[in-house]
PDB file of N, CA and C in Angstrom:
ATOM      1  N   MET A   1     113.782 111.185  84.274  1.00  0.00           N
ATOM      2  CA  MET A   1     113.420 111.455  85.652  1.00  0.00           C
ATOM      3  C   MET A   1     112.079 110.798  85.955  1.00  0.00           C
ATOM      4  N   SER A   2     111.921 110.346  87.136  1.00  0.00           N
ATOM      5  CA  SER A   2     110.728 109.610  87.542  1.00  0.00           C
ATOM      6  C   SER A   2     109.538 110.547  87.738  1.00  0.00           C
ATOM      7  N   SER A   3     108.352 110.013  87.533  1.00  0.00           N
ATOM      8  CA  SER A   3     107.134 110.786  87.768  1.00  0.00           C
ATOM      9  C   SER A   3     106.518 110.387  89.102  1.00  0.00           C
ATOM     10  N   TYR A   4     107.347 110.148  90.069  1.00  0.00           N
ATOM     11  CA  TYR A   4     106.907 109.663  91.372  1.00  0.00           C
ATOM     12  C   TYR A   4     106.029 110.702  92.061  1.00  0.00           C
ATOM     13  N   SER A   5     104.926 110.263  92.602  1.00  0.00           N
ATOM     14  CA  SER A   5     104.074 111.150  93.394  1.00  0.00           C
ATOM     15  C   SER A   5     103.610 110.386  94.629  1.00  0.00           C
ATOM     16  N   TYR A   6     103.560 111.083  95.732  1.00  0.00           N
ATOM     17  CA  TYR A   6     103.191 110.457  96.997  1.00  0.00           C
ATOM     18  C   TYR A   6     101.686 110.481  97.174  1.00  0.00           C
ATOM     19  N   GLU A   7     101.145 109.357  97.562  1.00  0.00           N
ATOM     20  CA  GLU A   7      99.739 109.279  97.945  1.00  0.00           C
ATOM     21  C   GLU A   7      99.682 108.751  99.366  1.00  0.00           C
ATOM     22  N   PRO A   8      99.027 109.480 100.270  1.00  0.00           N
ATOM     23  CA  PRO A   8      98.946 108.987 101.647  1.00  0.00           C
ATOM     24  C   PRO A   8      98.203 107.658 101.694  1.00  0.00           C
ATOM     25  N   PRO A   9      98.596 106.791 102.606  1.00  0.00           N
ATOM     26  CA  PRO A   9      97.939 105.482 102.684  1.00  0.00           C
ATOM     27  C   PRO A   9      96.475 105.603 103.078  1.00  0.00           C
ATOM     28  N   ARG A  10      95.657 104.750 102.471  1.00  0.00           N
ATOM     29  CA  ARG A  10      94.236 104.697 102.819  1.00  0.00           C
ATOM     30  C   ARG A  10      94.038 103.584 103.831  1.00  0.00           C
ATOM     31  N   PRO A  11      92.994 103.686 104.637  1.00  0.00           N
ATOM     32  CA  PRO A  11      92.714 102.580 105.557  1.00  0.00           C
ATOM     33  C   PRO A  11      92.488 101.297 104.753  1.00  0.00           C
ATOM     34  N   ALA A  12      93.077 100.223 105.203  1.00  0.00           N
ATOM     35  CA  ALA A  12      92.974  98.946 104.492  1.00  0.00           C
ATOM     36  C   ALA A  12      91.564  98.375 104.605  1.00  0.00           C
ATOM     37  N   ALA A  13      91.144  97.717 103.524  1.00  0.00           N
ATOM     38  CA  ALA A  13      89.873  96.993 103.534  1.00  0.00           C
ATOM     39  C   ALA A  13      90.152  95.622 104.143  1.00  0.00           C
ATOM     40  N   ILE A  14      89.576  95.367 105.312  1.00  0.00           N
ATOM     41  CA  ILE A  14      89.830  94.113 106.024  1.00  0.00           C
ATOM     42  C   ILE A  14      88.496  93.433 106.321  1.00  0.00           C
ATOM     43  N   TYR A  15      88.410  92.165 105.947  1.00  0.00           N
ATOM     44  CA  TYR A  15      87.209  91.377 106.196  1.00  0.00           C
ATOM     45  C   TYR A  15      87.618  90.037 106.787  1.00  0.00           C
ATOM     46  N   SER A  16      86.722  89.465 107.566  1.00  0.00           N
ATOM     47  CA  SER A  16      86.969  88.119 108.094  1.00  0.00           C
ATOM     48  C   SER A  16      86.683  87.092 106.999  1.00  0.00           C
ATOM     49  N   PHE A  17      87.235  85.910 107.174  1.00  0.00           N
ATOM     50  CA  PHE A  17      87.002  84.826 106.222  1.00  0.00           C
ATOM     51  C   PHE A  17      85.507  84.530 106.117  1.00  0.00           C
ATOM     52  N   ALA A  18      84.801  84.607 107.233  1.00  0.00           N
ATOM     53  CA  ALA A  18      83.354  84.348 107.247  1.00  0.00           C
ATOM     54  C   ALA A  18      82.600  85.366 106.393  1.00  0.00           C
ATOM     55  N   ALA A  19      83.127  86.590 106.310  1.00  0.00           N
ATOM     56  CA  ALA A  19      82.460  87.633 105.527  1.00  0.00           C
ATOM     57  C   ALA A  19      82.460  87.314 104.036  1.00  0.00           C
ATOM     58  N   LEU A  20      83.365  86.451 103.600  1.00  0.00           N
ATOM     59  CA  LEU A  20      83.373  86.065 102.183  1.00  0.00           C
ATOM     60  C   LEU A  20      82.041  85.446 101.774  1.00  0.00           C
ATOM     61  N   LYS A  21      81.389  84.825 102.723  1.00  0.00           N
ATOM     62  CA  LYS A  21      80.102  84.181 102.442  1.00  0.00           C
ATOM     63  C   LYS A  21      78.948  85.181 102.552  1.00  0.00           C
ATOM     64  N   SER A  22      78.978  86.021 103.576  1.00  0.00           N
ATOM     65  CA  SER A  22      77.844  86.907 103.834  1.00  0.00           C
ATOM     66  C   SER A  22      77.939  88.266 103.130  1.00  0.00           C
ATOM     67  N   LYS A  23      79.120  88.671 102.700  1.00  0.00           N
ATOM     68  CA  LYS A  23      79.285  89.997 102.088  1.00  0.00           C
ATOM     69  C   LYS A  23      80.012  89.909 100.742  1.00  0.00           C
ATOM     70  N   GLN A  24      79.678  88.889  99.966  1.00  0.00           N
ATOM     71  CA  GLN A  24      80.375  88.673  98.693  1.00  0.00           C
ATOM     72  C   GLN A  24      80.381  89.907  97.799  1.00  0.00           C
ATOM     73  N   ARG A  25      79.206  90.493  97.557  1.00  0.00           N
ATOM     74  CA  ARG A  25      79.100  91.640  96.647  1.00  0.00           C
ATOM     75  C   ARG A  25      79.942  92.807  97.155  1.00  0.00           C
ATOM     76  N   GLU A  26      79.840  93.121  98.439  1.00  0.00           N
ATOM     77  CA  GLU A  26      80.601  94.232  99.027  1.00  0.00           C
ATOM     78  C   GLU A  26      82.109  94.005  98.870  1.00  0.00           C
ATOM     79  N   ILE A  27      82.538  92.788  99.154  1.00  0.00           N
ATOM     80  CA  ILE A  27      83.966  92.471  99.065  1.00  0.00           C
ATOM     81  C   ILE A  27      84.435  92.544  97.615  1.00  0.00           C
ATOM     82  N   LYS A  28      83.643  92.007  96.687  1.00  0.00           N
ATOM     83  CA  LYS A  28      84.015  92.073  95.271  1.00  0.00           C
ATOM     84  C   LYS A  28      84.069  93.512  94.783  1.00  0.00           C
ATOM     85  N   ASP A  29      83.123  94.343  95.220  1.00  0.00           N
ATOM     86  CA  ASP A  29      83.131  95.755  94.824  1.00  0.00           C
ATOM     87  C   ASP A  29      84.390  96.458  95.332  1.00  0.00           C
ATOM     88  N   ARG A  30      84.754  96.193  96.577  1.00  0.00           N
ATOM     89  CA  ARG A  30      85.987  96.785  97.129  1.00  0.00           C
ATOM     90  C   ARG A  30      87.207  96.267  96.385  1.00  0.00           C
ATOM     91  N   ALA A  31      87.192  94.957  96.077  1.00  0.00           N
ATOM     92  CA  ALA A  31      88.332  94.342  95.388  1.00  0.00           C
ATOM     93  C   ALA A  31      88.498  94.882  93.966  1.00  0.00           C
ATOM     94  N   ASP A  32      87.434  95.436  93.401  1.00  0.00           N
ATOM     95  CA  ASP A  32      87.546  96.080  92.087  1.00  0.00           C
ATOM     96  C   ASP A  32      88.291  97.409  92.175  1.00  0.00           C
ATOM     97  N   ARG A  33      88.380  97.976  93.378  1.00  0.00           N
ATOM     98  CA  ARG A  33      89.026  99.274  93.576  1.00  0.00           C
ATOM     99  C   ARG A  33      90.351  99.196  94.314  1.00  0.00           C
ATOM    100  N   GLU A  34      90.500  98.178  95.171  1.00  0.00           N
ATOM    101  CA  GLU A  34      91.687  98.111  96.025  1.00  0.00           C
ATOM    102  C   GLU A  34      91.930  96.686  96.509  1.00  0.00           C
ATOM    103  N   VAL A  35      93.076  96.498  97.119  1.00  0.00           N
ATOM    104  CA  VAL A  35      93.411  95.198  97.701  1.00  0.00           C
ATOM    105  C   VAL A  35      92.583  95.012  98.968  1.00  0.00           C
ATOM    106  N   VAL A  36      91.957  93.852  99.091  1.00  0.00           N
ATOM    107  CA  VAL A  36      91.150  93.517 100.261  1.00  0.00           C
ATOM    108  C   VAL A  36      91.910  92.462 101.064  1.00  0.00           C
ATOM    109  N   HIS A  37      92.018  92.684 102.351  1.00  0.00           N
ATOM    110  CA  HIS A  37      92.703  91.745 103.241  1.00  0.00           C
ATOM    111  C   HIS A  37      91.657  90.858 103.917  1.00  0.00           C
ATOM    112  N   ILE A  38      91.926  89.565 103.926  1.00  0.00           N
ATOM    113  CA  ILE A  38      91.015  88.594 104.539  1.00  0.00           C
ATOM    114  C   ILE A  38      91.716  87.986 105.753  1.00  0.00           C
ATOM    115  N   THR A  39      91.030  88.026 106.881  1.00  0.00           N
ATOM    116  CA  THR A  39      91.603  87.445 108.100  1.00  0.00           C
ATOM    117  C   THR A  39      90.964  86.096 108.383  1.00  0.00           C
ATOM    118  N   GLU A  40      91.712  85.261 109.073  1.00  0.00           N
ATOM    119  CA  GLU A  40      91.202  83.959 109.500  1.00  0.00           C
ATOM    120  C   GLU A  40      91.598  83.796 110.959  1.00  0.00           C
ATOM    121  N   ASN A  41      90.606  83.594 111.810  1.00  0.00           N
ATOM    122  CA  ASN A  41      90.842  83.504 113.259  1.00  0.00           C
ATOM    123  C   ASN A  41      91.558  84.750 113.785  1.00  0.00           C
ATOM    124  N   GLY A  42      91.210  85.904 113.211  1.00  0.00           N
ATOM    125  CA  GLY A  42      91.774  87.172 113.665  1.00  0.00           C
ATOM    126  C   GLY A  42      93.165  87.484 113.145  1.00  0.00           C
ATOM    127  N   ASN A  43      93.731  86.603 112.352  1.00  0.00           N
ATOM    128  CA  ASN A  43      95.081  86.818 111.818  1.00  0.00           C
ATOM    129  C   ASN A  43      95.036  87.066 110.313  1.00  0.00           C
ATOM    130  N   ALA A  44      95.948  87.889 109.833  1.00  0.00           N
ATOM    131  CA  ALA A  44      96.052  88.121 108.393  1.00  0.00           C
ATOM    132  C   ALA A  44      96.265  86.784 107.698  1.00  0.00           C
ATOM    133  N   ALA A  45      95.491  86.537 106.644  1.00  0.00           N
ATOM    134  CA  ALA A  45      95.596  85.236 105.977  1.00  0.00           C
ATOM    135  C   ALA A  45      95.708  85.354 104.460  1.00  0.00           C
ATOM    136  N   TYR A  46      94.885  86.205 103.834  1.00  0.00           N
ATOM    137  CA  TYR A  46      94.834  86.269 102.379  1.00  0.00           C
ATOM    138  C   TYR A  46      94.659  87.705 101.912  1.00  0.00           C
ATOM    139  N   VAL A  47      94.952  87.928 100.634  1.00  0.00           N
ATOM    140  CA  VAL A  47      94.611  89.192  99.987  1.00  0.00           C
ATOM    141  C   VAL A  47      93.795  88.860  98.745  1.00  0.00           C
ATOM    142  N   PHE A  48      92.902  89.767  98.387  1.00  0.00           N
ATOM    143  CA  PHE A  48      91.989  89.540  97.276  1.00  0.00           C
ATOM    144  C   PHE A  48      91.844  90.849  96.524  1.00  0.00           C
ATOM    145  N   CYS A  49      91.960  90.796  95.203  1.00  0.00           N
ATOM    146  CA  CYS A  49      91.770  92.000  94.397  1.00  0.00           C
ATOM    147  C   CYS A  49      91.504  91.612  92.950  1.00  0.00           C
ATOM    148  N   SER A  50      91.047  92.578  92.176  1.00  0.00           N
ATOM    149  CA  SER A  50      90.818  92.337  90.751  1.00  0.00           C
ATOM    150  C   SER A  50      92.159  92.291  90.020  1.00  0.00           C
ATOM    151  N   GLU A  51      92.137  91.776  88.809  1.00  0.00           N
ATOM    152  CA  GLU A  51      93.349  91.736  87.980  1.00  0.00           C
ATOM    153  C   GLU A  51      93.877  93.153  87.756  1.00  0.00           C
ATOM    154  N   GLU A  52      92.973  94.100  87.533  1.00  0.00           N
ATOM    155  CA  GLU A  52      93.372  95.491  87.287  1.00  0.00           C
ATOM    156  C   GLU A  52      94.063  96.088  88.511  1.00  0.00           C
ATOM    157  N   VAL A  53      93.508  95.861  89.678  1.00  0.00           N
ATOM    158  CA  VAL A  53      94.115  96.362  90.914  1.00  0.00           C
ATOM    159  C   VAL A  53      95.481  95.717  91.117  1.00  0.00           C
ATOM    160  N   PHE A  54      95.574  94.422  90.852  1.00  0.00           N
ATOM    161  CA  PHE A  54      96.850  93.721  90.991  1.00  0.00           C
ATOM    162  C   PHE A  54      97.888  94.301  90.035  1.00  0.00           C
ATOM    163  N   ALA A  55      97.493  94.536  88.783  1.00  0.00           N
ATOM    164  CA  ALA A  55      98.416  95.103  87.792  1.00  0.00           C
ATOM    165  C   ALA A  55      98.876  96.494  88.218  1.00  0.00           C
ATOM    166  N   ARG A  56      97.947  97.314  88.728  1.00  0.00           N
ATOM    167  CA  ARG A  56      98.311  98.661  89.199  1.00  0.00           C
ATOM    168  C   ARG A  56      99.267  98.587  90.375  1.00  0.00           C
ATOM    169  N   ALA A  57      98.979  97.700  91.322  1.00  0.00           N
ATOM    170  CA  ALA A  57      99.838  97.561  92.506  1.00  0.00           C
ATOM    171  C   ALA A  57     101.228  97.088  92.103  1.00  0.00           C
ATOM    172  N   LYS A  58     101.276  96.162  91.162  1.00  0.00           N
ATOM    173  CA  LYS A  58     102.565  95.654  90.694  1.00  0.00           C
ATOM    174  C   LYS A  58     103.344  96.759  89.973  1.00  0.00           C
ATOM    175  N   ALA A  59     102.667  97.516  89.111  1.00  0.00           N
ATOM    176  CA  ALA A  59     103.317  98.618  88.395  1.00  0.00           C
ATOM    177  C   ALA A  59     103.822  99.674  89.374  1.00  0.00           C
ATOM    178  N   GLN A  60     103.031  99.978  90.405  1.00  0.00           N
ATOM    179  CA  GLN A  60     103.445 100.965  91.403  1.00  0.00           C
ATOM    180  C   GLN A  60     104.651 100.471  92.183  1.00  0.00           C
ATOM    181  N   ALA A  61     104.677  99.187  92.515  1.00  0.00           N
ATOM    182  CA  ALA A  61     105.820  98.616  93.235  1.00  0.00           C
ATOM    183  C   ALA A  61     107.085  98.703  92.394  1.00  0.00           C
ATOM    184  N   ILE A  62     106.957  98.451  91.094  1.00  0.00           N
ATOM    185  CA  ILE A  62     108.112  98.554  90.197  1.00  0.00           C
ATOM    186  C   ILE A  62     108.581  99.998  90.117  1.00  0.00           C
ATOM    187  N   GLU A  63     107.643 100.938  89.948  1.00  0.00           N
ATOM    188  CA  GLU A  63     108.000 102.356  89.879  1.00  0.00           C
ATOM    189  C   GLU A  63     108.678 102.812  91.172  1.00  0.00           C
ATOM    190  N   ASP A  64     108.145 102.389  92.308  1.00  0.00           N
ATOM    191  CA  ASP A  64     108.744 102.748  93.597  1.00  0.00           C
ATOM    192  C   ASP A  64     110.160 102.200  93.718  1.00  0.00           C
ATOM    193  N   ALA A  65     110.360 100.955  93.293  1.00  0.00           N
ATOM    194  CA  ALA A  65     111.686 100.334  93.377  1.00  0.00           C
ATOM    195  C   ALA A  65     112.680 101.044  92.467  1.00  0.00           C
ATOM    196  N   LEU A  66     112.244 101.406  91.262  1.00  0.00           N
ATOM    197  CA  LEU A  66     113.131 102.121  90.339  1.00  0.00           C
ATOM    198  C   LEU A  66     113.476 103.506  90.872  1.00  0.00           C
ATOM    199  N   TYR A  67     112.490 104.178  91.460  1.00  0.00           N
ATOM    200  CA  TYR A  67     112.736 105.496  92.048  1.00  0.00           C
ATOM    201  C   TYR A  67     113.739 105.385  93.193  1.00  0.00           C
ATOM    202  N   GLU A  68     113.553 104.392  94.052  1.00  0.00           N
ATOM    203  CA  GLU A  68     114.472 104.198  95.173  1.00  0.00           C
ATOM    204  C   GLU A  68     115.884 103.900  94.670  1.00  0.00           C
ATOM    205  N   LYS A  69     115.995 103.072  93.634  1.00  0.00           N
ATOM    206  CA  LYS A  69     117.303 102.748  93.049  1.00  0.00           C
ATOM    207  C   LYS A  69     117.966 104.016  92.508  1.00  0.00           C
ATOM    208  N   GLU A  70     117.196 104.829  91.768  1.00  0.00           N
ATOM    209  CA  GLU A  70     117.709 106.078  91.207  1.00  0.00           C
ATOM    210  C   GLU A  70     118.165 107.020  92.325  1.00  0.00           C
ATOM    211  N   LEU A  71     117.382 107.110  93.375  1.00  0.00           N
ATOM    212  CA  LEU A  71     117.716 107.972  94.501  1.00  0.00           C
ATOM    213  C   LEU A  71     118.996 107.508  95.189  1.00  0.00           C
ATOM    214  N   ARG A  72     119.111 106.207  95.434  1.00  0.00           N
ATOM    215  CA  ARG A  72     120.319 105.664  96.073  1.00  0.00           C
ATOM    216  C   ARG A  72     121.558 105.911  95.214  1.00  0.00           C
ATOM    217  N   GLU A  73     121.435 105.724  93.889  1.00  0.00           N
ATOM    218  CA  GLU A  73     122.561 105.952  92.987  1.00  0.00           C
ATOM    219  C   GLU A  73     122.964 107.424  92.973  1.00  0.00           C
ATOM    220  N   THR A  74     121.979 108.312  92.989  1.00  0.00           N
ATOM    221  CA  THR A  74     122.258 109.744  93.000  1.00  0.00           C
ATOM    222  C   THR A  74     122.975 110.141  94.284  1.00  0.00           C
ATOM    223  N   ILE A  75     122.518 109.634  95.407  1.00  0.00           N
ATOM    224  CA  ILE A  75     123.172 109.925  96.689  1.00  0.00           C
ATOM    225  C   ILE A  75     124.591 109.373  96.693  1.00  0.00           C
ATOM    226  N   ALA A  76     124.783 108.171  96.170  1.00  0.00           N
ATOM    227  CA  ALA A  76     126.124 107.568  96.118  1.00  0.00           C
ATOM    228  C   ALA A  76     127.058 108.414  95.258  1.00  0.00           C
ATOM    229  N   ARG A  77     126.568 108.881  94.094  1.00  0.00           N
ATOM    230  CA  ARG A  77     127.402 109.739  93.238  1.00  0.00           C
ATOM    231  C   ARG A  77     127.744 111.041  93.947  1.00  0.00           C
ATOM    232  N   GLY A  78     126.787 111.594  94.663  1.00  0.00           N
ATOM    233  CA  GLY A  78     127.041 112.828  95.410  1.00  0.00           C
ATOM    234  C   GLY A  78     128.104 112.627  96.474  1.00  0.00           C
ATOM    235  N   ARG A  79     128.025 111.523  97.185  1.00  0.00           N
ATOM    236  CA  ARG A  79     129.033 111.221  98.211  1.00  0.00           C
ATOM    237  C   ARG A  79     130.408 111.037  97.586  1.00  0.00           C
ATOM    238  N   GLU A  80     130.460 110.344  96.438  1.00  0.00           N
ATOM    239  CA  GLU A  80     131.731 110.160  95.734  1.00  0.00           C
ATOM    240  C   GLU A  80     132.311 111.507  95.316  1.00  0.00           C
ATOM    241  N   ASP A  81     131.450 112.399  94.814  1.00  0.00           N
ATOM    242  CA  ASP A  81     131.910 113.731  94.412  1.00  0.00           C
ATOM    243  C   ASP A  81     132.488 114.493  95.597  1.00  0.00           C
ATOM    244  N   VAL A  82     131.812 114.441  96.738  1.00  0.00           N
ATOM    245  CA  VAL A  82     132.304 115.141  97.928  1.00  0.00           C
ATOM    246  C   VAL A  82     133.640 114.553  98.366  1.00  0.00           C
ATOM    247  N   GLU A  83     133.737 113.226  98.407  1.00  0.00           N
ATOM    248  CA  GLU A  83     134.987 112.576  98.817  1.00  0.00           C
ATOM    249  C   GLU A  83     136.137 112.908  97.870  1.00  0.00           C
ATOM    250  N   ALA A  84     135.828 113.094  96.577  1.00  0.00           N
ATOM    251  CA  ALA A  84     136.857 113.396  95.579  1.00  0.00           C
ATOM    252  C   ALA A  84     137.118 114.895  95.465  1.00  0.00           C
ATOM    253  N   GLY A  85     136.395 115.698  96.248  1.00  0.00           N
ATOM    254  CA  GLY A  85     136.594 117.146  96.212  1.00  0.00           C
ATOM    255  C   GLY A  85     135.906 117.832  95.044  1.00  0.00           C
ATOM    256  N   ARG A  86     134.982 117.157  94.391  1.00  0.00           N
ATOM    257  CA  ARG A  86     134.270 117.737  93.249  1.00  0.00           C
ATOM    258  C   ARG A  86     132.998 118.438  93.735  1.00  0.00           C
ATOM    259  N   TYR A  87     133.192 119.557  94.391  1.00  0.00           N
ATOM    260  CA  TYR A  87     132.054 120.337  94.859  1.00  0.00           C
ATOM    261  C   TYR A  87     132.497 121.774  95.065  1.00  0.00           C
ATOM    262  N   VAL A  88     131.543 122.651  95.166  1.00  0.00           N
ATOM    263  CA  VAL A  88     131.810 124.060  95.457  1.00  0.00           C
ATOM    264  C   VAL A  88     130.959 124.457  96.650  1.00  0.00           C
ATOM    265  N   VAL A  89     131.343 125.562  97.261  1.00  0.00           N
ATOM    266  CA  VAL A  89     130.597 126.059  98.410  1.00  0.00           C
ATOM    267  C   VAL A  89     129.999 127.409  98.044  1.00  0.00           C
ATOM    268  N   GLY A  90     128.695 127.521  98.164  1.00  0.00           N
ATOM    269  CA  GLY A  90     128.005 128.781  97.957  1.00  0.00           C
ATOM    270  C   GLY A  90     127.817 129.162  96.499  1.00  0.00           C
ATOM    271  N   VAL A  91     127.023 130.204  96.305  1.00  0.00           N
ATOM    272  CA  VAL A  91     126.705 130.690  94.963  1.00  0.00           C
ATOM    273  C   VAL A  91     127.951 131.244  94.286  1.00  0.00           C
ATOM    274  N   GLU A  92     128.725 132.038  95.016  1.00  0.00           N
ATOM    275  CA  GLU A  92     129.943 132.620  94.440  1.00  0.00           C
ATOM    276  C   GLU A  92     130.914 131.529  94.010  1.00  0.00           C
ATOM    277  N   GLY A  93     131.025 130.490  94.796  1.00  0.00           N
ATOM    278  CA  GLY A  93     131.883 129.362  94.433  1.00  0.00           C
ATOM    279  C   GLY A  93     131.399 128.681  93.164  1.00  0.00           C
ATOM    280  N   ALA A  94     130.081 128.539  93.025  1.00  0.00           N
ATOM    281  CA  ALA A  94     129.511 127.919  91.822  1.00  0.00           C
ATOM    282  C   ALA A  94     129.765 128.789  90.599  1.00  0.00           C
ATOM    283  N   ILE A  95     129.575 130.095  90.742  1.00  0.00           N
ATOM    284  CA  ILE A  95     129.818 131.020  89.624  1.00  0.00           C
ATOM    285  C   ILE A  95     131.285 130.985  89.219  1.00  0.00           C
ATOM    286  N   ALA A  96     132.177 131.015  90.204  1.00  0.00           N
ATOM    287  CA  ALA A  96     133.614 130.964  89.916  1.00  0.00           C
ATOM    288  C   ALA A  96     133.971 129.664  89.193  1.00  0.00           C
ATOM    289  N   ARG A  97     133.390 128.563  89.613  1.00  0.00           N
ATOM    290  CA  ARG A  97     133.683 127.272  88.979  1.00  0.00           C
ATOM    291  C   ARG A  97     133.156 127.238  87.545  1.00  0.00           C
ATOM    292  N   MET A  98     131.972 127.784  87.303  1.00  0.00           N
ATOM    293  CA  MET A  98     131.433 127.838  85.942  1.00  0.00           C
ATOM    294  C   MET A  98     132.330 128.679  85.040  1.00  0.00           C
ATOM    295  N   ARG A  99     132.784 129.810  85.545  1.00  0.00           N
ATOM    296  CA  ARG A  99     133.680 130.661  84.753  1.00  0.00           C
ATOM    297  C   ARG A  99     134.985 129.936  84.459  1.00  0.00           C
ATOM    298  N   GLU A 100     135.454 129.189  85.416  1.00  0.00           N
ATOM    299  CA  GLU A 100     136.676 128.403  85.245  1.00  0.00           C
ATOM    300  C   GLU A 100     136.485 127.364  84.134  1.00  0.00           C
ATOM    301  N   ILE A 101     135.365 126.683  84.153  1.00  0.00           N
ATOM    302  CA  ILE A 101     135.078 125.645  83.158  1.00  0.00           C
ATOM    303  C   ILE A 101     134.878 126.251  81.772  1.00  0.00           C
ATOM    304  N   TRP A 102     134.101 127.319  81.705  1.00  0.00           N
ATOM    305  CA  TRP A 102     133.746 127.907  80.417  1.00  0.00           C
ATOM    306  C   TRP A 102     134.758 128.946  79.933  1.00  0.00           C
ATOM    307  N   GLY A 103     135.740 129.248  80.791  1.00  0.00           N
ATOM    308  CA  GLY A 103     136.779 130.192  80.399  1.00  0.00           C
ATOM    309  C   GLY A 103     136.297 131.620  80.253  1.00  0.00           C
ATOM    310  N   GLU A 104     135.301 131.988  81.018  1.00  0.00           N
ATOM    311  CA  GLU A 104     134.767 133.349  80.937  1.00  0.00           C
ATOM    312  C   GLU A 104     135.360 134.212  82.033  1.00  0.00           C
ATOM    313  N   ASP A 105     135.550 135.476  81.716  1.00  0.00           N
ATOM    314  CA  ASP A 105     136.038 136.443  82.701  1.00  0.00           C
ATOM    315  C   ASP A 105     134.868 137.251  83.226  1.00  0.00           C
ATOM    316  N   ASP A 106     135.136 138.028  84.288  1.00  0.00           N
ATOM    317  CA  ASP A 106     134.084 138.881  84.868  1.00  0.00           C
ATOM    318  C   ASP A 106     133.513 139.816  83.880  1.00  0.00           C
TER     319      ASP A 106
END
């Protein structure tokens, strides 16, 4: 089972291309912690981050994709079960089905 946990999005670090010259230290410090977006003429142009941040972002993207795949497969199996009639309704139905499978009486 996946260890997926939700983290709310943080405001993106966005700097102009010109800021690369005047705020190098600030941008590098941010890039050590998170992905920094660089704009050129007001438009998104580049991203900048440390190797560690890149590795973390890549690992998180892989984990997210695997979780989504697992979730889609689970939903598909559930739909197949419903279409094939492999389901019970309510707690009493579940108990009756377990007794049926395990051969237990009341």
